[in-house]
Amino acid sequence: CIRDRYQRRVRGTLMVEPTESESKEELDRFIDAMISIREEIREIEEGKIKAEESALAGAPHTIDVVSSNEWNRKYSREKAAYPSQWSKRSKFWPSVGRVDNTYGDRHLVCSCPPLSDYQA
């Protein structure tokens, strides 16, 4: 059954489900990003760089990090700032780097007012 196939989850994988509202350009950028990430993983597999010293491990790179006078990373500032060709034309600069790795993804913290504030 098709429904059962979509309900199965494979540990350690990423499910991508674009909608019709995504433009072809946006889907192409996503594919380019996935290819770029795979190439960075390949560099680690081939021993060109250690996983903990890679651009992937250092991402996301804020403008403060990239423009600082100090650069002690094993990869270039350009790779950190512009990991793909399209990002040179349309760059989104994250306001913060990685915070406590995946802790925030696994432990939801709500900064909303309590529900009682919404009661009339």
Protein backbone atom coordinates (compact mmCIF):
# COMPACT_ATOMS: atom_id res chain seq x y z
CA CYS A 1 0.00 0.00 0.00
CA ILE A 2 1.35 3.47 -0.94
CA ARG A 3 0.28 4.93 2.40
CA ASP A 4 2.32 2.32 4.31
CA ARG A 5 5.38 3.00 2.16
CA TYR A 6 5.37 6.68 3.11
CA GLN A 7 4.87 5.94 6.79
CA ARG A 8 8.04 3.85 7.04
CA ARG A 9 10.98 5.68 8.48
CA VAL A 10 14.59 4.83 7.89
CA ARG A 11 16.90 5.84 10.74
CA GLY A 12 19.64 8.28 9.75
CA THR A 13 17.99 9.44 6.53
CA LEU A 14 16.43 12.67 5.35
CA MET A 15 13.00 12.73 3.75
CA VAL A 16 12.49 15.54 1.26
CA GLU A 17 8.97 16.36 0.17
CA PRO A 18 8.87 19.50 -1.99
CA THR A 19 5.50 21.01 -2.73
CA GLU A 20 4.17 22.52 -5.92
CA SER A 21 4.78 25.94 -4.39
CA GLU A 22 8.56 25.44 -4.68
CA SER A 23 9.98 26.90 -7.88
CA LYS A 24 12.30 24.91 -10.14
CA GLU A 25 15.05 27.39 -9.25
CA GLU A 26 14.58 26.68 -5.54
CA LEU A 27 14.58 22.92 -6.12
CA ASP A 28 17.76 23.26 -8.22
CA ARG A 29 19.43 25.19 -5.39
CA PHE A 30 18.44 22.46 -2.94
CA ILE A 31 19.88 19.75 -5.20
CA ASP A 32 23.09 21.77 -5.64
CA ALA A 33 23.37 22.08 -1.85
CA MET A 34 22.93 18.31 -1.40
CA ILE A 35 25.58 17.63 -4.06
CA SER A 36 27.94 20.10 -2.39
CA ILE A 37 27.42 18.47 1.01
CA ARG A 38 28.11 15.06 -0.54
CA GLU A 39 31.38 16.37 -2.01
CA GLU A 40 32.42 17.68 1.40
CA ILE A 41 31.65 14.26 2.90
CA ARG A 42 33.75 12.65 0.16
CA GLU A 43 36.71 14.86 1.15
CA ILE A 44 36.40 13.47 4.68
CA GLU A 45 36.10 9.89 3.43
CA GLU A 46 39.22 10.31 1.29
CA GLY A 47 41.19 11.71 4.22
CA LYS A 48 41.65 15.17 2.68
CA ILE A 49 40.28 16.76 5.85
CA LYS A 50 39.20 15.51 9.26
CA ALA A 51 35.47 15.54 9.93
CA GLU A 52 35.82 17.90 12.91
CA GLU A 53 37.89 20.35 10.81
CA SER A 54 35.56 20.39 7.80
CA ALA A 55 33.38 23.20 6.53
CA LEU A 56 30.37 21.04 7.35
CA ALA A 57 31.36 20.83 11.00
CA GLY A 58 31.96 24.59 11.10
CA ALA A 59 28.72 25.56 9.40
CA PRO A 60 26.83 27.76 9.52
CA HIS A 61 29.37 30.57 9.16
CA THR A 62 28.26 34.00 10.27
CA ILE A 63 29.50 37.20 8.64
CA ASP A 64 31.39 37.99 11.87
CA VAL A 65 33.32 34.72 11.64
CA VAL A 66 34.12 35.04 7.95
CA SER A 67 35.17 38.69 8.14
CA SER A 68 37.19 38.44 11.34
CA ASN A 69 40.94 39.10 11.31
CA GLU A 70 41.56 35.61 12.62
CA TRP A 71 41.06 32.54 10.42
CA ASN A 72 42.40 29.27 11.76
CA ARG A 73 40.27 26.84 9.77
CA LYS A 74 41.55 24.19 7.35
CA TYR A 75 39.28 25.47 4.56
CA SER A 76 39.11 28.83 2.84
CA ARG A 77 37.01 31.79 3.91
CA GLU A 78 35.41 31.70 0.47
CA LYS A 79 34.25 28.10 1.00
CA ALA A 80 32.83 29.14 4.37
CA ALA A 81 31.10 32.26 3.05
CA TYR A 82 29.93 30.96 -0.31
CA PRO A 83 29.58 27.17 -0.31
CA SER A 84 27.86 27.29 -3.71
CA GLN A 85 27.90 29.47 -6.82
CA TRP A 86 24.33 30.72 -6.34
CA SER A 87 25.09 31.89 -2.79
CA LYS A 88 27.44 34.50 -4.27
CA ARG A 89 24.41 36.12 -5.94
CA SER A 90 21.91 35.68 -3.14
CA LYS A 91 23.52 35.15 0.26
CA PHE A 92 21.63 34.65 3.51
CA TRP A 93 23.91 35.31 6.48
CA PRO A 94 22.91 33.39 9.60
CA SER A 95 22.86 35.50 12.74
CA VAL A 96 24.45 32.77 14.88
CA GLY A 97 26.66 29.76 14.34
CA ARG A 98 25.90 26.32 15.60
CA VAL A 99 24.51 26.37 19.14
CA ASP A 100 25.16 23.25 21.22
CA ASN A 101 25.12 21.08 18.08
CA THR A 102 21.77 19.22 17.93
CA TYR A 103 20.56 19.96 21.47
CA GLY A 104 18.13 22.60 20.24
CA ASP A 105 16.70 20.25 17.62
CA ARG A 106 16.00 17.57 20.20
CA HIS A 107 14.84 19.75 23.11
CA LEU A 108 12.10 22.18 22.15
CA VAL A 109 12.17 25.44 24.05
CA CYS A 110 9.14 27.67 23.67
CA SER A 111 9.66 31.36 24.29
CA CYS A 112 5.99 32.16 23.72
CA PRO A 113 3.80 33.77 26.36
CA PRO A 114 1.85 31.21 28.44
CA LEU A 115 -1.52 30.11 27.03
CA SER A 116 -3.27 31.93 29.86
CA ASP A 117 -2.17 35.25 28.27
CA TYR A 118 -4.32 34.43 25.25
CA GLN A 119 -7.49 33.76 27.22
CA ALA A 120 -10.09 36.49 27.15
